[in-house]
Amino acid sequence: MSESTDTTETVQNRSEIVFLYDAVDANPNGNPLSGANRPRIDPQTQQAIVTDVRLKRYLRDQLDDDGHGVYIRNVQKDGNQYTRGQLLEDRLKSIDLDDYDLDEDGEPDRLREAVFGEFLNESVDVRYFGATMSVDTDDPYAEHLPDHFTGPVQFSPGKTMHAVNENEEYDSLTSVIATQEGKEQGGFDLDDHRIQYGLIRFHGLVDEHGAADTNLTSDDVDRLDTLCWRAIKNQTISRSKVGQEPRLYCRVEYSEDSFHLGGLDKDLTLDDERSVPDEELRNVRDVTVDVDSFVTRLKNASDRVSRVRIVASDVLEFSHDGDVGGPELLYEAVEESVGADTLELIDVYDEHTETLPESETAE
């Protein structure tokens, strides 16, 4: 069984998330409707777009690899395709329907409560992102679950912080292969559209009211602080996705009910004086992130902030109040704005072991 989720420990405070990762010679999110799976690009601004669905897929796959119960997955580990009914039964295999007499008063409610609790307990991705329960009505478990769960953790579609260029050198790669033994090698054209460079900016929100509907716990939210980083590290390994790296993750946890600043991601901008022009961007060393507005807004709301959890890449450069430097410059600026007791630096690889299922940590 996965980690338990006690409803008395559900999230009490709202959190706002800012997450940056970049892509070098990669297709961060292809559009299959384009006919060639070209990168999604805003036609007006030329910014690359990454849907929240793409990000959540990375997160679900990392949760699955970490040994957590995941409801929405593409394939089984042995490569066989799942149906939604099989996925549901896999989540609820510990519940024996024969243990309940549905003709007895109170038993249907007891079964419904058991199915609801166990499904969420075994489906960490639903606790985060919700799910549509599109299961055959004849499924013996389906009638005991709602039609859908609304996820308390939501991300807006991500966009690059600048205009991007497609790398034309990849437009028509020729792969030379050996066709049959003793015959000449042949080639074929392969559409392979990628962007040269993109620093992608995501905004996320953890809603404390929605958390009660999916039993989302504070431990679940703390897991996000390492999950996002590790998911980009570990799940972007396919041919068109390799070349993506996490650069900055920050979660601001508020102390006041129903309050959040909103739009904190937009307060991180490229420092135009210190970054190379958009058309010349090729890697993370070509950009400097201006954090002046970000730090100022945190300072102005410091009495409503209970925690700031943050980690940045050692090669990402920041500018603040005329100074330029690496992560330490950012950390010091945030600490000054919210207080030393409020700032927490994330140790991605040491901390994540604390959020693994007990069966994984025991090994």
Protein backbone atom coordinates (compact mmCIF):
# COMPACT_ATOMS: atom_id res chain seq x y z
CA MET A 1 0.00 0.00 0.00
CA SER A 2 1.19 3.53 -0.75
CA GLU A 3 1.64 6.20 1.88
CA SER A 4 -1.48 6.82 3.96
CA THR A 5 -3.55 9.95 3.59
CA ASP A 6 -5.33 10.96 6.77
CA THR A 7 -8.07 13.47 5.98
CA THR A 8 -7.22 15.30 9.21
CA GLU A 9 -3.83 16.14 7.69
CA THR A 10 -5.11 17.72 4.50
CA VAL A 11 -3.51 20.91 3.25
CA GLN A 12 -4.52 23.99 5.23
CA ASN A 13 -2.54 26.71 3.43
CA ARG A 14 -2.52 27.82 -0.19
CA SER A 15 0.73 27.64 -2.16
CA GLU A 16 1.90 29.38 -5.31
CA ILE A 17 4.56 27.73 -7.48
CA VAL A 18 7.02 29.18 -9.98
CA PHE A 19 8.96 26.64 -12.03
CA LEU A 20 11.52 27.32 -14.75
CA TYR A 21 13.21 24.75 -16.95
CA ASP A 22 14.92 25.08 -20.28
CA ALA A 23 15.28 23.17 -23.53
CA VAL A 24 18.31 23.08 -25.83
CA ASP A 25 17.82 21.69 -29.35
CA ALA A 26 14.67 19.93 -28.20
CA ASN A 27 10.93 19.84 -28.87
CA PRO A 28 9.52 20.55 -25.40
CA ASN A 29 5.92 19.95 -26.46
CA GLY A 30 5.02 18.88 -29.98
CA ASN A 31 1.66 19.61 -31.57
CA PRO A 32 0.38 16.46 -33.34
CA LEU A 33 -2.26 18.54 -35.16
CA SER A 34 0.48 20.43 -36.99
CA GLY A 35 1.09 17.41 -39.21
CA ALA A 36 4.75 17.14 -38.28
CA ASN A 37 4.59 17.36 -34.48
CA ARG A 38 6.20 20.79 -34.62
CA PRO A 39 6.85 22.64 -31.36
CA ARG A 40 3.85 24.62 -30.08
CA ILE A 41 4.62 28.28 -30.75
CA ASP A 42 2.47 31.36 -30.18
CA PRO A 43 2.09 32.89 -33.66
CA GLN A 44 2.01 36.46 -32.30
CA THR A 45 4.85 36.39 -29.77
CA GLN A 46 6.87 33.45 -31.11
CA GLN A 47 7.10 32.07 -27.59
CA ALA A 48 7.18 28.28 -27.30
CA ILE A 49 4.25 26.80 -25.38
CA VAL A 50 4.21 23.75 -23.11
CA THR A 51 0.81 22.56 -21.96
CA ASP A 52 0.03 21.73 -18.36
CA VAL A 53 -0.88 18.24 -19.61
CA ARG A 54 2.71 17.71 -20.79
CA LEU A 55 4.13 18.80 -17.43
CA LYS A 56 1.69 16.63 -15.50
CA ARG A 57 2.69 13.64 -17.63
CA TYR A 58 6.30 14.09 -16.55
CA LEU A 59 5.19 14.33 -12.92
CA ARG A 60 2.95 11.25 -13.12
CA ASP A 61 5.71 9.21 -14.74
CA GLN A 62 8.15 10.23 -12.02
CA LEU A 63 5.62 9.35 -9.32
CA ASP A 64 5.19 5.96 -10.95
CA ASP A 65 8.96 5.40 -11.11
CA ASP A 66 9.22 6.38 -7.44
CA GLY A 67 6.79 3.61 -6.52
CA HIS A 68 3.70 5.68 -5.77
CA GLY A 69 0.25 4.59 -6.85
CA VAL A 70 -0.67 6.32 -10.12
CA TYR A 71 -4.13 6.05 -11.67
CA ILE A 72 -3.64 7.75 -15.06
CA ARG A 73 -0.80 6.08 -16.86
CA ASN A 74 -0.07 5.25 -20.49
CA VAL A 75 1.10 1.66 -20.28
CA GLN A 76 1.86 -1.01 -17.76
CA LYS A 77 5.48 -1.62 -16.88
CA ASP A 78 5.36 -4.81 -18.97
CA GLY A 79 4.21 -2.80 -21.99
CA ASN A 80 0.58 -3.95 -22.03
CA GLN A 81 -2.08 -1.30 -22.48
CA TYR A 82 -4.31 -0.49 -19.50
CA THR A 83 -8.04 0.09 -19.73
CA ARG A 84 -9.59 2.53 -17.26
CA GLY A 85 -11.43 -0.37 -15.65
CA GLN A 86 -8.20 -2.27 -15.11
CA LEU A 87 -6.57 0.86 -13.72
CA LEU A 88 -9.43 1.28 -11.27
CA GLU A 89 -9.36 -2.34 -10.15
CA ASP A 90 -5.60 -2.13 -9.70
CA ARG A 91 -6.09 0.83 -7.35
CA LEU A 92 -8.80 -1.01 -5.37
CA LYS A 93 -7.54 -4.59 -5.33
CA SER A 94 -7.39 -4.64 -1.52
CA ILE A 95 -11.18 -4.13 -1.25
CA ASP A 96 -13.27 -7.30 -1.41
CA LEU A 97 -16.85 -6.46 -2.39
CA ASP A 98 -18.00 -9.73 -0.82
CA ASP A 99 -17.16 -8.27 2.58
CA TYR A 100 -20.12 -5.89 2.27
CA ASP A 101 -23.81 -6.76 2.44
CA LEU A 102 -25.40 -4.07 0.26
CA ASP A 103 -28.88 -5.03 1.47
CA GLU A 104 -28.01 -4.14 5.04
CA ASP A 105 -28.59 -0.63 6.35
CA GLY A 106 -25.42 1.43 6.33
CA GLU A 107 -23.37 -1.06 4.32
CA PRO A 108 -23.57 0.79 0.96
CA ASP A 109 -22.33 3.97 2.67
CA ARG A 110 -19.54 2.05 4.39
CA LEU A 111 -18.47 0.54 1.07
CA ARG A 112 -18.61 3.92 -0.67
CA GLU A 113 -16.43 5.44 2.03
CA ALA A 114 -13.95 2.56 1.78
CA VAL A 115 -13.74 2.74 -2.02
CA PHE A 116 -13.38 6.53 -1.98
CA GLY A 117 -10.66 6.50 0.67
CA GLU A 118 -8.70 3.61 -0.79
CA PHE A 119 -8.83 4.98 -4.34
CA LEU A 120 -7.36 8.31 -3.25
CA ASN A 121 -4.90 6.59 -0.93
CA GLU A 122 -3.59 4.52 -3.83
CA SER A 123 -3.75 7.28 -6.49
CA VAL A 124 -1.40 10.09 -5.59
CA ASP A 125 -1.77 11.67 -9.03
CA VAL A 126 -5.52 12.06 -8.47
CA ARG A 127 -4.88 13.69 -5.12
CA TYR A 128 -2.79 16.26 -6.99
CA PHE A 129 -4.42 16.74 -10.37
CA GLY A 130 -7.85 15.12 -10.16
CA ALA A 131 -9.28 12.80 -12.81
CA THR A 132 -12.33 12.10 -14.91
CA MET A 133 -13.74 8.73 -13.93
CA SER A 134 -14.66 7.54 -17.42
CA VAL A 135 -15.27 3.94 -16.38
CA ASP A 136 -17.91 1.55 -17.69
CA THR A 137 -21.04 1.87 -15.58
CA ASP A 138 -21.04 -1.91 -15.12
CA ASP A 139 -17.77 -1.74 -13.24
CA PRO A 140 -18.52 -2.90 -9.67
CA TYR A 141 -16.48 -0.05 -8.16
CA ALA A 142 -17.55 2.82 -10.43
CA GLU A 143 -20.91 3.49 -8.78
CA HIS A 144 -19.15 4.19 -5.49
CA LEU A 145 -16.99 7.01 -6.89
CA PRO A 146 -17.88 10.49 -8.20
CA ASP A 147 -17.89 11.23 -11.93
CA HIS A 148 -14.74 13.27 -11.52
CA PHE A 149 -12.24 14.61 -9.01
CA THR A 150 -11.17 18.25 -9.33
CA GLY A 151 -7.45 18.50 -8.69
CA PRO A 152 -6.29 21.06 -6.11
CA VAL A 153 -2.88 21.35 -7.83
CA GLN A 154 -3.09 23.13 -11.17
CA PHE A 155 -0.50 24.57 -13.54
CA SER A 156 -1.13 27.16 -16.22
CA PRO A 157 0.34 26.39 -19.65
CA GLY A 158 4.02 27.26 -19.68
CA LYS A 159 5.63 29.68 -22.11
CA THR A 160 9.22 30.57 -22.85
CA MET A 161 10.32 33.91 -21.41
CA HIS A 162 11.38 35.00 -24.89
CA ALA A 163 10.75 34.39 -28.57
CA VAL A 164 12.26 31.16 -29.92
CA ASN A 165 13.70 29.99 -33.21
CA GLU A 166 13.23 26.57 -34.72
CA ASN A 167 16.49 24.87 -35.56
CA GLU A 168 16.27 24.45 -39.32
CA GLU A 169 19.14 21.99 -39.34
CA TYR A 170 16.79 19.41 -37.84
CA ASP A 171 13.92 19.97 -40.30
CA SER A 172 14.80 17.06 -42.55
CA LEU A 173 17.33 14.76 -40.98
CA THR A 174 18.46 11.82 -43.04
CA SER A 175 18.88 8.60 -41.10
CA VAL A 176 21.02 6.07 -42.87
CA ILE A 177 20.17 2.48 -42.01
CA ALA A 178 21.15 -0.96 -43.15
CA THR A 179 18.11 -2.43 -44.86
CA GLN A 180 19.13 -6.02 -45.35
CA GLU A 181 22.37 -7.92 -45.08
CA GLY A 182 24.46 -7.58 -48.21
CA LYS A 183 22.49 -4.64 -49.61
CA GLU A 184 23.40 -0.97 -49.77
CA GLN A 185 22.37 1.26 -46.94
CA GLY A 186 19.36 3.46 -47.59
CA GLY A 187 18.02 6.64 -46.08
CA PHE A 188 14.71 8.31 -45.33
CA ASP A 189 13.66 11.80 -44.42
CA LEU A 190 12.68 12.29 -40.79
CA ASP A 191 10.73 15.34 -39.67
CA ASP A 192 12.45 16.45 -36.47
CA HIS A 193 11.46 19.97 -35.51
CA ARG A 194 13.14 21.48 -32.47
CA ILE A 195 13.74 24.87 -30.92
CA GLN A 196 17.26 26.18 -30.53
CA TYR A 197 16.73 27.32 -26.95
CA GLY A 198 13.87 28.09 -24.64
CA LEU A 199 13.65 29.05 -20.95
CA ILE A 200 10.15 27.88 -20.02
CA ARG A 201 8.18 29.51 -17.20
CA PHE A 202 5.34 27.73 -15.38
CA HIS A 203 2.94 29.00 -12.75
CA GLY A 204 1.17 26.63 -10.36
CA LEU A 205 -1.32 26.87 -7.53
CA VAL A 206 -2.20 24.53 -4.65
CA ASP A 207 -5.75 25.28 -3.50
CA GLU A 208 -6.38 24.44 0.15
CA HIS A 209 -10.15 24.20 -0.36
CA GLY A 210 -9.89 21.71 -3.22
CA ALA A 211 -7.36 19.70 -1.19
CA ALA A 212 -10.13 18.54 1.11
CA ASP A 213 -11.94 16.92 -1.85
CA THR A 214 -8.98 14.70 -2.80
CA ASN A 215 -7.34 14.22 0.63
CA LEU A 216 -4.23 16.11 -0.49
CA THR A 217 -1.84 16.27 2.46
CA SER A 218 0.97 18.62 3.39
CA ASP A 219 3.35 15.71 2.75
CA ASP A 220 2.00 15.50 -0.80
CA VAL A 221 2.71 19.19 -1.32
CA ASP A 222 6.21 18.91 0.13
CA ARG A 223 6.81 16.11 -2.37
CA LEU A 224 6.20 18.56 -5.22
CA ASP A 225 9.26 20.50 -4.10
CA THR A 226 11.54 17.71 -5.31
CA LEU A 227 9.20 16.00 -7.77
CA CYS A 228 9.11 18.82 -10.35
CA TRP A 229 12.89 19.08 -10.43
CA ARG A 230 13.53 15.35 -10.66
CA ALA A 231 10.78 14.78 -13.23
CA ILE A 232 12.47 17.09 -15.73
CA LYS A 233 15.81 15.48 -14.94
CA ASN A 234 14.58 11.91 -15.34
CA GLN A 235 11.60 11.91 -17.71
CA THR A 236 12.94 14.00 -20.60
CA ILE A 237 15.05 11.23 -22.06
CA SER A 238 13.32 10.50 -25.37
CA ARG A 239 15.03 11.58 -28.58
CA SER A 240 13.14 14.85 -29.01
CA LYS A 241 12.93 15.66 -25.29
CA VAL A 242 16.56 15.23 -24.25
CA GLY A 243 18.27 18.55 -23.57
CA GLN A 244 15.85 19.83 -20.93
CA GLU A 245 17.00 20.83 -17.45
CA PRO A 246 15.30 22.32 -14.36
CA ARG A 247 16.60 25.80 -13.53
CA LEU A 248 14.44 27.27 -10.74
CA TYR A 249 11.69 26.00 -8.47
CA CYS A 250 10.01 28.14 -5.84
CA ARG A 251 6.90 27.42 -3.76
CA VAL A 252 5.46 30.20 -1.65
CA GLU A 253 3.19 28.93 1.11
CA TYR A 254 0.80 31.52 2.47
CA SER A 255 -0.48 31.81 6.02
CA GLU A 256 -3.76 33.57 5.31
CA ASP A 257 -6.79 31.59 4.12
CA SER A 258 -7.73 32.05 0.44
CA PHE A 259 -4.88 34.48 -0.22
CA HIS A 260 -2.14 34.31 -2.81
CA LEU A 261 -0.28 37.03 -4.68
CA GLY A 262 -0.92 35.58 -8.12
CA GLY A 263 1.24 35.90 -11.22
CA LEU A 264 4.55 35.50 -9.40
CA ASP A 265 5.95 33.80 -12.48
CA LYS A 266 5.53 37.05 -14.46
CA ASP A 267 7.70 38.82 -11.89
CA LEU A 268 10.66 36.85 -13.18
CA THR A 269 11.83 38.40 -16.45
CA LEU A 270 14.92 38.33 -18.60
CA ASP A 271 17.38 41.10 -17.89
CA ASP A 272 17.63 42.54 -21.39
CA GLU A 273 20.90 44.33 -20.73
CA ARG A 274 22.65 41.18 -19.55
CA SER A 275 20.95 38.54 -21.74
CA VAL A 276 21.86 38.07 -25.38
CA PRO A 277 19.14 38.92 -27.96
CA ASP A 278 16.36 36.35 -28.34
CA GLU A 279 17.50 35.20 -31.76
CA GLU A 280 21.00 34.47 -30.42
CA LEU A 281 19.98 32.46 -27.33
CA ARG A 282 21.54 28.99 -27.36
CA ASN A 283 21.93 27.87 -23.71
CA VAL A 284 21.36 28.88 -20.09
CA ARG A 285 24.58 30.90 -19.94
CA ASP A 286 23.08 33.33 -22.44
CA VAL A 287 20.39 34.53 -20.03
CA THR A 288 20.20 36.52 -16.82
CA VAL A 289 16.93 36.50 -14.84
CA ASP A 290 15.85 39.79 -13.27
CA VAL A 291 14.26 39.11 -9.84
CA ASP A 292 13.67 42.69 -8.65
CA SER A 293 9.87 42.60 -9.01
CA PHE A 294 9.69 39.05 -7.63
CA VAL A 295 11.57 39.97 -4.46
CA THR A 296 9.62 43.21 -4.00
CA ARG A 297 6.24 41.49 -4.17
CA LEU A 298 7.33 38.86 -1.65
CA LYS A 299 8.54 41.59 0.69
CA ASN A 300 5.26 43.50 0.42
CA ALA A 301 3.31 40.36 1.37
CA SER A 302 5.82 38.98 3.88
CA ASP A 303 3.30 39.10 6.72
CA ARG A 304 1.12 36.68 4.76
CA VAL A 305 3.89 34.26 3.80
CA SER A 306 4.61 31.30 6.07
CA ARG A 307 7.28 29.53 3.99
CA VAL A 308 9.30 30.02 0.84
CA ARG A 309 10.82 26.80 -0.48
CA ILE A 310 13.36 27.35 -3.25
CA VAL A 311 16.14 25.78 -5.31
CA ALA A 312 18.02 27.10 -8.35
CA SER A 313 20.52 25.68 -10.83
CA ASP A 314 24.13 26.57 -10.14
CA VAL A 315 24.56 27.86 -13.71
CA LEU A 316 21.55 30.18 -13.80
CA GLU A 317 22.49 33.85 -13.39
CA PHE A 318 20.31 36.40 -11.59
CA SER A 319 20.28 40.17 -11.30
CA HIS A 320 18.90 42.09 -8.32
CA ASP A 321 19.23 45.72 -7.34
CA GLY A 322 22.13 46.22 -9.74
CA ASP A 323 24.05 43.13 -8.62
CA VAL A 324 24.59 39.98 -10.68
CA GLY A 325 25.28 36.48 -9.39
CA GLY A 326 24.23 32.88 -9.08
CA PRO A 327 21.67 31.22 -6.79
CA GLU A 328 23.20 32.74 -3.64
CA LEU A 329 22.24 36.21 -4.86
CA LEU A 330 18.64 35.07 -5.25
CA TYR A 331 18.55 33.26 -1.91
CA GLU A 332 19.95 36.27 -0.05
CA ALA A 333 17.46 38.62 -1.71
CA VAL A 334 14.50 36.39 -0.85
CA GLU A 335 15.75 35.90 2.70
CA GLU A 336 15.97 39.66 3.15
CA SER A 337 12.41 40.07 1.86
CA VAL A 338 10.65 37.37 3.95
CA GLY A 339 13.06 36.65 6.82
CA ALA A 340 15.58 33.91 7.52
CA ASP A 341 13.07 31.78 9.42
CA THR A 342 10.71 31.75 6.42
CA LEU A 343 13.20 30.78 3.69
CA GLU A 344 13.95 27.07 3.19
CA LEU A 345 16.47 25.85 0.63
CA ILE A 346 15.45 22.58 -1.03
CA ASP A 347 17.92 19.71 -1.12
CA VAL A 348 16.35 17.90 -4.07
CA TYR A 349 18.06 14.53 -3.81
CA ASP A 350 18.29 14.09 -0.05
CA GLU A 351 14.77 15.32 0.65
CA HIS A 352 12.97 13.21 -1.94
CA THR A 353 13.73 9.98 -0.09
CA GLU A 354 11.57 11.21 2.79
CA THR A 355 8.53 11.28 0.48
CA LEU A 356 8.94 7.79 -0.99
CA PRO A 357 6.56 4.97 -0.05
CA GLU A 358 7.68 3.00 2.98
CA SER A 359 8.30 -0.08 0.82
CA GLU A 360 10.78 1.91 -1.27
CA THR A 361 12.68 3.47 1.64
CA ALA A 362 12.88 0.12 3.42
CA GLU A 363 14.89 -1.24 0.53
